[in-house]
Amino acid sequence: MITFDNLTKEKIDTKSLRKLAKTIFIREGVGVSEKICCVFTNDKYIKRLNRQYRNRDYPTDVLAFSFVEGVGADFRNNQLGDIYISTDTAKENAKRFAVTFSYEIKLLFIHGLLHLLNYDDNEELGKKKMEQEERYYISLIEEKDS
């Protein structure tokens, strides 16, 4: 189950994100009882989170906080984690990469969800694997949108 919290004035197609998450869950073997919360926010808010939890004093496009690992993981109650997406940075990315805002939001959602599923893009091999999976899942969206 996925809950969405939009703290911005941007229109977000959560219906397509739900379908996307369901597809990813099935392919990745994630149980249907797992829960995710996705929050759409602005650069100011995500910068604060980035500084507090990653010691990086700048906004970023997406942050994912896994509840499967770390302190308290035994008490997660099927909560897989939280994804935070900055709509401000998503708009900038969309312009820079010449894609729609909706496409960029979907890509960031996929990226955050893959992080919750233990994909890691800090090492080169992991980064390549994660990018491959992102391309696969985004291609599914492109096929449906055609």
C-alpha atoms as a PDB file:
ATOM      1  CA  MET A   1       0.000   0.000   0.000  1.00  0.00           C
ATOM      2  CA  ILE A   2       1.256   3.439  -0.874  1.00  0.00           C
ATOM      3  CA  THR A   3       0.229   6.718   0.636  1.00  0.00           C
ATOM      4  CA  PHE A   4       1.017  10.052  -0.989  1.00  0.00           C
ATOM      5  CA  ASP A   5       1.348  13.384   0.723  1.00  0.00           C
ATOM      6  CA  ASN A   6       1.648  16.384  -1.579  1.00  0.00           C
ATOM      7  CA  LEU A   7       2.959  19.407   0.320  1.00  0.00           C
ATOM      8  CA  THR A   8       3.161  21.450  -2.892  1.00  0.00           C
ATOM      9  CA  LYS A   9       0.674  23.013  -5.289  1.00  0.00           C
ATOM     10  CA  GLU A  10       1.852  20.800  -8.159  1.00  0.00           C
ATOM     11  CA  LYS A  11      -0.533  18.292  -9.733  1.00  0.00           C
ATOM     12  CA  ILE A  12       0.850  14.777  -9.332  1.00  0.00           C
ATOM     13  CA  ASP A  13      -0.597  11.725 -11.083  1.00  0.00           C
ATOM     14  CA  THR A  14      -0.563   9.365  -8.106  1.00  0.00           C
ATOM     15  CA  LYS A  15      -2.727   6.817  -9.907  1.00  0.00           C
ATOM     16  CA  SER A  16       0.059   6.043 -12.400  1.00  0.00           C
ATOM     17  CA  LEU A  17       2.628   5.980  -9.580  1.00  0.00           C
ATOM     18  CA  ARG A  18       0.520   3.386  -7.749  1.00  0.00           C
ATOM     19  CA  LYS A  19       0.394   1.203 -10.861  1.00  0.00           C
ATOM     20  CA  LEU A  20       4.112   1.622 -11.314  1.00  0.00           C
ATOM     21  CA  ALA A  21       4.831   0.621  -7.710  1.00  0.00           C
ATOM     22  CA  LYS A  22       2.613  -2.449  -8.068  1.00  0.00           C
ATOM     23  CA  THR A  23       4.561  -3.521 -11.165  1.00  0.00           C
ATOM     24  CA  ILE A  24       7.883  -2.988  -9.400  1.00  0.00           C
ATOM     25  CA  PHE A  25       6.703  -4.854  -6.285  1.00  0.00           C
ATOM     26  CA  ILE A  26       5.634  -7.849  -8.368  1.00  0.00           C
ATOM     27  CA  ARG A  27       8.860  -7.981 -10.386  1.00  0.00           C
ATOM     28  CA  GLU A  28      11.050  -7.466  -7.317  1.00  0.00           C
ATOM     29  CA  GLY A  29       9.148 -10.032  -5.215  1.00  0.00           C
ATOM     30  CA  VAL A  30       7.917  -7.566  -2.591  1.00  0.00           C
ATOM     31  CA  GLY A  31       4.964  -8.633  -0.485  1.00  0.00           C
ATOM     32  CA  VAL A  32       1.655  -6.846  -1.035  1.00  0.00           C
ATOM     33  CA  SER A  33       1.479  -6.026   2.685  1.00  0.00           C
ATOM     34  CA  GLU A  34       4.495  -3.693   2.452  1.00  0.00           C
ATOM     35  CA  LYS A  35       3.769   0.011   2.902  1.00  0.00           C
ATOM     36  CA  ILE A  36       5.417   3.094   1.462  1.00  0.00           C
ATOM     37  CA  CYS A  37       4.830   6.772   2.047  1.00  0.00           C
ATOM     38  CA  CYS A  38       5.811   9.176  -0.751  1.00  0.00           C
ATOM     39  CA  VAL A  39       5.984  12.885   0.075  1.00  0.00           C
ATOM     40  CA  PHE A  40       6.155  15.608  -2.570  1.00  0.00           C
ATOM     41  CA  THR A  41       7.860  18.661  -1.190  1.00  0.00           C
ATOM     42  CA  ASN A  42       9.954  21.682  -2.180  1.00  0.00           C
ATOM     43  CA  ASP A  43      13.690  22.381  -2.265  1.00  0.00           C
ATOM     44  CA  LYS A  44      13.709  24.114   1.111  1.00  0.00           C
ATOM     45  CA  TYR A  45      12.234  21.092   2.897  1.00  0.00           C
ATOM     46  CA  ILE A  46      14.324  18.455   1.112  1.00  0.00           C
ATOM     47  CA  LYS A  47      17.480  20.518   1.694  1.00  0.00           C
ATOM     48  CA  ARG A  48      16.781  20.392   5.419  1.00  0.00           C
ATOM     49  CA  LEU A  49      16.361  16.590   5.264  1.00  0.00           C
ATOM     50  CA  ASN A  50      19.500  16.229   3.142  1.00  0.00           C
ATOM     51  CA  ARG A  51      21.496  18.288   5.662  1.00  0.00           C
ATOM     52  CA  GLN A  52      20.081  16.490   8.696  1.00  0.00           C
ATOM     53  CA  TYR A  53      20.398  12.900   7.468  1.00  0.00           C
ATOM     54  CA  ARG A  54      23.147  13.004   4.849  1.00  0.00           C
ATOM     55  CA  ASN A  55      25.218  15.978   6.033  1.00  0.00           C
ATOM     56  CA  ARG A  56      24.816  17.629   2.600  1.00  0.00           C
ATOM     57  CA  ASP A  57      23.698  21.239   2.734  1.00  0.00           C
ATOM     58  CA  TYR A  58      21.893  21.498  -0.599  1.00  0.00           C
ATOM     59  CA  PRO A  59      18.590  20.399  -2.096  1.00  0.00           C
ATOM     60  CA  THR A  60      18.365  17.142  -3.994  1.00  0.00           C
ATOM     61  CA  ASP A  61      15.720  15.609  -6.220  1.00  0.00           C
ATOM     62  CA  VAL A  62      14.837  12.477  -4.222  1.00  0.00           C
ATOM     63  CA  LEU A  63      15.611  10.961  -0.835  1.00  0.00           C
ATOM     64  CA  ALA A  64      14.640   7.493   0.325  1.00  0.00           C
ATOM     65  CA  PHE A  65      14.594   6.356   3.935  1.00  0.00           C
ATOM     66  CA  SER A  66      14.452   2.598   4.391  1.00  0.00           C
ATOM     67  CA  PHE A  67      12.828   1.171   7.503  1.00  0.00           C
ATOM     68  CA  VAL A  68      14.108  -2.320   6.697  1.00  0.00           C
ATOM     69  CA  GLU A  69      17.623  -1.626   7.902  1.00  0.00           C
ATOM     70  CA  GLY A  70      19.116   0.254  10.829  1.00  0.00           C
ATOM     71  CA  VAL A  71      17.868   1.021  14.322  1.00  0.00           C
ATOM     72  CA  GLY A  72      14.256  -0.002  14.876  1.00  0.00           C
ATOM     73  CA  ALA A  73      14.010  -2.231  11.791  1.00  0.00           C
ATOM     74  CA  ASP A  74      12.518  -4.985  13.944  1.00  0.00           C
ATOM     75  CA  PHE A  75       9.550  -2.719  14.658  1.00  0.00           C
ATOM     76  CA  ARG A  76       8.813  -1.483  11.155  1.00  0.00           C
ATOM     77  CA  ASN A  77       5.372  -3.153  10.931  1.00  0.00           C
ATOM     78  CA  ASN A  78       5.570  -3.767   7.149  1.00  0.00           C
ATOM     79  CA  GLN A  79       6.608  -0.153   6.540  1.00  0.00           C
ATOM     80  CA  LEU A  80       9.204  -0.396   3.761  1.00  0.00           C
ATOM     81  CA  GLY A  81      10.155   3.267   3.978  1.00  0.00           C
ATOM     82  CA  ASP A  82       9.562   6.833   2.889  1.00  0.00           C
ATOM     83  CA  ILE A  83      10.372   8.595  -0.365  1.00  0.00           C
ATOM     84  CA  TYR A  84      10.701  12.394  -0.542  1.00  0.00           C
ATOM     85  CA  ILE A  85      10.650  14.093  -3.945  1.00  0.00           C
ATOM     86  CA  SER A  86      11.340  17.772  -4.509  1.00  0.00           C
ATOM     87  CA  THR A  87       8.984  19.088  -7.164  1.00  0.00           C
ATOM     88  CA  ASP A  88      11.209  22.178  -7.516  1.00  0.00           C
ATOM     89  CA  THR A  89      14.219  20.092  -8.504  1.00  0.00           C
ATOM     90  CA  ALA A  90      12.021  17.778 -10.592  1.00  0.00           C
ATOM     91  CA  LYS A  91      10.931  20.823 -12.653  1.00  0.00           C
ATOM     92  CA  GLU A  92      14.548  21.880 -13.142  1.00  0.00           C
ATOM     93  CA  ASN A  93      15.543  18.335 -14.130  1.00  0.00           C
ATOM     94  CA  ALA A  94      12.664  18.115 -16.592  1.00  0.00           C
ATOM     95  CA  LYS A  95      13.843  21.297 -18.339  1.00  0.00           C
ATOM     96  CA  ARG A  96      17.496  20.231 -18.299  1.00  0.00           C
ATOM     97  CA  PHE A  97      16.773  16.753 -19.715  1.00  0.00           C
ATOM     98  CA  ALA A  98      13.972  17.915 -22.052  1.00  0.00           C
ATOM     99  CA  VAL A  99      11.306  15.650 -20.563  1.00  0.00           C
ATOM    100  CA  THR A 100       7.899  16.368 -19.065  1.00  0.00           C
ATOM    101  CA  PHE A 101       7.464  17.110 -15.378  1.00  0.00           C
ATOM    102  CA  SER A 102       5.269  14.002 -15.096  1.00  0.00           C
ATOM    103  CA  TYR A 103       7.998  11.813 -16.633  1.00  0.00           C
ATOM    104  CA  GLU A 104      10.611  13.206 -14.255  1.00  0.00           C
ATOM    105  CA  ILE A 105       8.388  12.587 -11.222  1.00  0.00           C
ATOM    106  CA  LYS A 106       7.918   8.974 -12.332  1.00  0.00           C
ATOM    107  CA  LEU A 107      11.651   8.523 -12.808  1.00  0.00           C
ATOM    108  CA  LEU A 108      12.409   9.965  -9.367  1.00  0.00           C
ATOM    109  CA  PHE A 109       9.727   7.775  -7.820  1.00  0.00           C
ATOM    110  CA  ILE A 110      11.281   4.698  -9.451  1.00  0.00           C
ATOM    111  CA  HIS A 111      14.721   5.757  -8.215  1.00  0.00           C
ATOM    112  CA  GLY A 112      13.487   6.233  -4.648  1.00  0.00           C
ATOM    113  CA  LEU A 113      11.589   2.961  -4.669  1.00  0.00           C
ATOM    114  CA  LEU A 114      14.636   1.060  -5.934  1.00  0.00           C
ATOM    115  CA  HIS A 115      16.649   2.520  -3.063  1.00  0.00           C
ATOM    116  CA  LEU A 116      14.027   1.191  -0.644  1.00  0.00           C
ATOM    117  CA  LEU A 117      14.509  -2.208  -2.288  1.00  0.00           C
ATOM    118  CA  ASN A 118      18.237  -2.088  -1.448  1.00  0.00           C
ATOM    119  CA  TYR A 119      19.540  -0.901  -4.803  1.00  0.00           C
ATOM    120  CA  ASP A 120      22.644   1.180  -4.206  1.00  0.00           C
ATOM    121  CA  ASP A 121      24.120   3.656  -6.660  1.00  0.00           C
ATOM    122  CA  ASN A 122      27.207   4.612  -4.628  1.00  0.00           C
ATOM    123  CA  GLU A 123      29.450   2.069  -6.355  1.00  0.00           C
ATOM    124  CA  GLU A 124      29.868   1.983 -10.148  1.00  0.00           C
ATOM    125  CA  LEU A 125      28.489  -1.554 -10.573  1.00  0.00           C
ATOM    126  CA  GLY A 126      25.455  -0.808  -8.411  1.00  0.00           C
ATOM    127  CA  LYS A 127      24.880   2.459 -10.247  1.00  0.00           C
ATOM    128  CA  LYS A 128      24.834   0.665 -13.612  1.00  0.00           C
ATOM    129  CA  LYS A 129      22.408  -1.978 -12.315  1.00  0.00           C
ATOM    130  CA  MET A 130      20.123   0.680 -10.848  1.00  0.00           C
ATOM    131  CA  GLU A 131      20.141   2.730 -14.061  1.00  0.00           C
ATOM    132  CA  GLN A 132      19.328  -0.430 -16.035  1.00  0.00           C
ATOM    133  CA  GLU A 133      16.325  -1.115 -13.815  1.00  0.00           C
ATOM    134  CA  GLU A 134      15.190   2.522 -14.031  1.00  0.00           C
ATOM    135  CA  ARG A 135      15.323   2.359 -17.833  1.00  0.00           C
ATOM    136  CA  TYR A 136      13.331  -0.869 -17.792  1.00  0.00           C
ATOM    137  CA  TYR A 137      10.570   0.487 -15.555  1.00  0.00           C
ATOM    138  CA  ILE A 138      10.391   3.839 -17.326  1.00  0.00           C
ATOM    139  CA  SER A 139      10.104   1.989 -20.656  1.00  0.00           C
ATOM    140  CA  LEU A 140       6.962   0.307 -19.333  1.00  0.00           C
ATOM    141  CA  ILE A 141       5.456   3.752 -18.756  1.00  0.00           C
ATOM    142  CA  GLU A 142       6.488   4.983 -22.191  1.00  0.00           C
ATOM    143  CA  GLU A 143       4.793   1.974 -23.820  1.00  0.00           C
ATOM    144  CA  LYS A 144       1.563   2.690 -21.972  1.00  0.00           C
ATOM    145  CA  ASP A 145       1.731   6.419 -22.772  1.00  0.00           C
ATOM    146  CA  SER A 146       2.221   5.812 -26.520  1.00  0.00           C
END
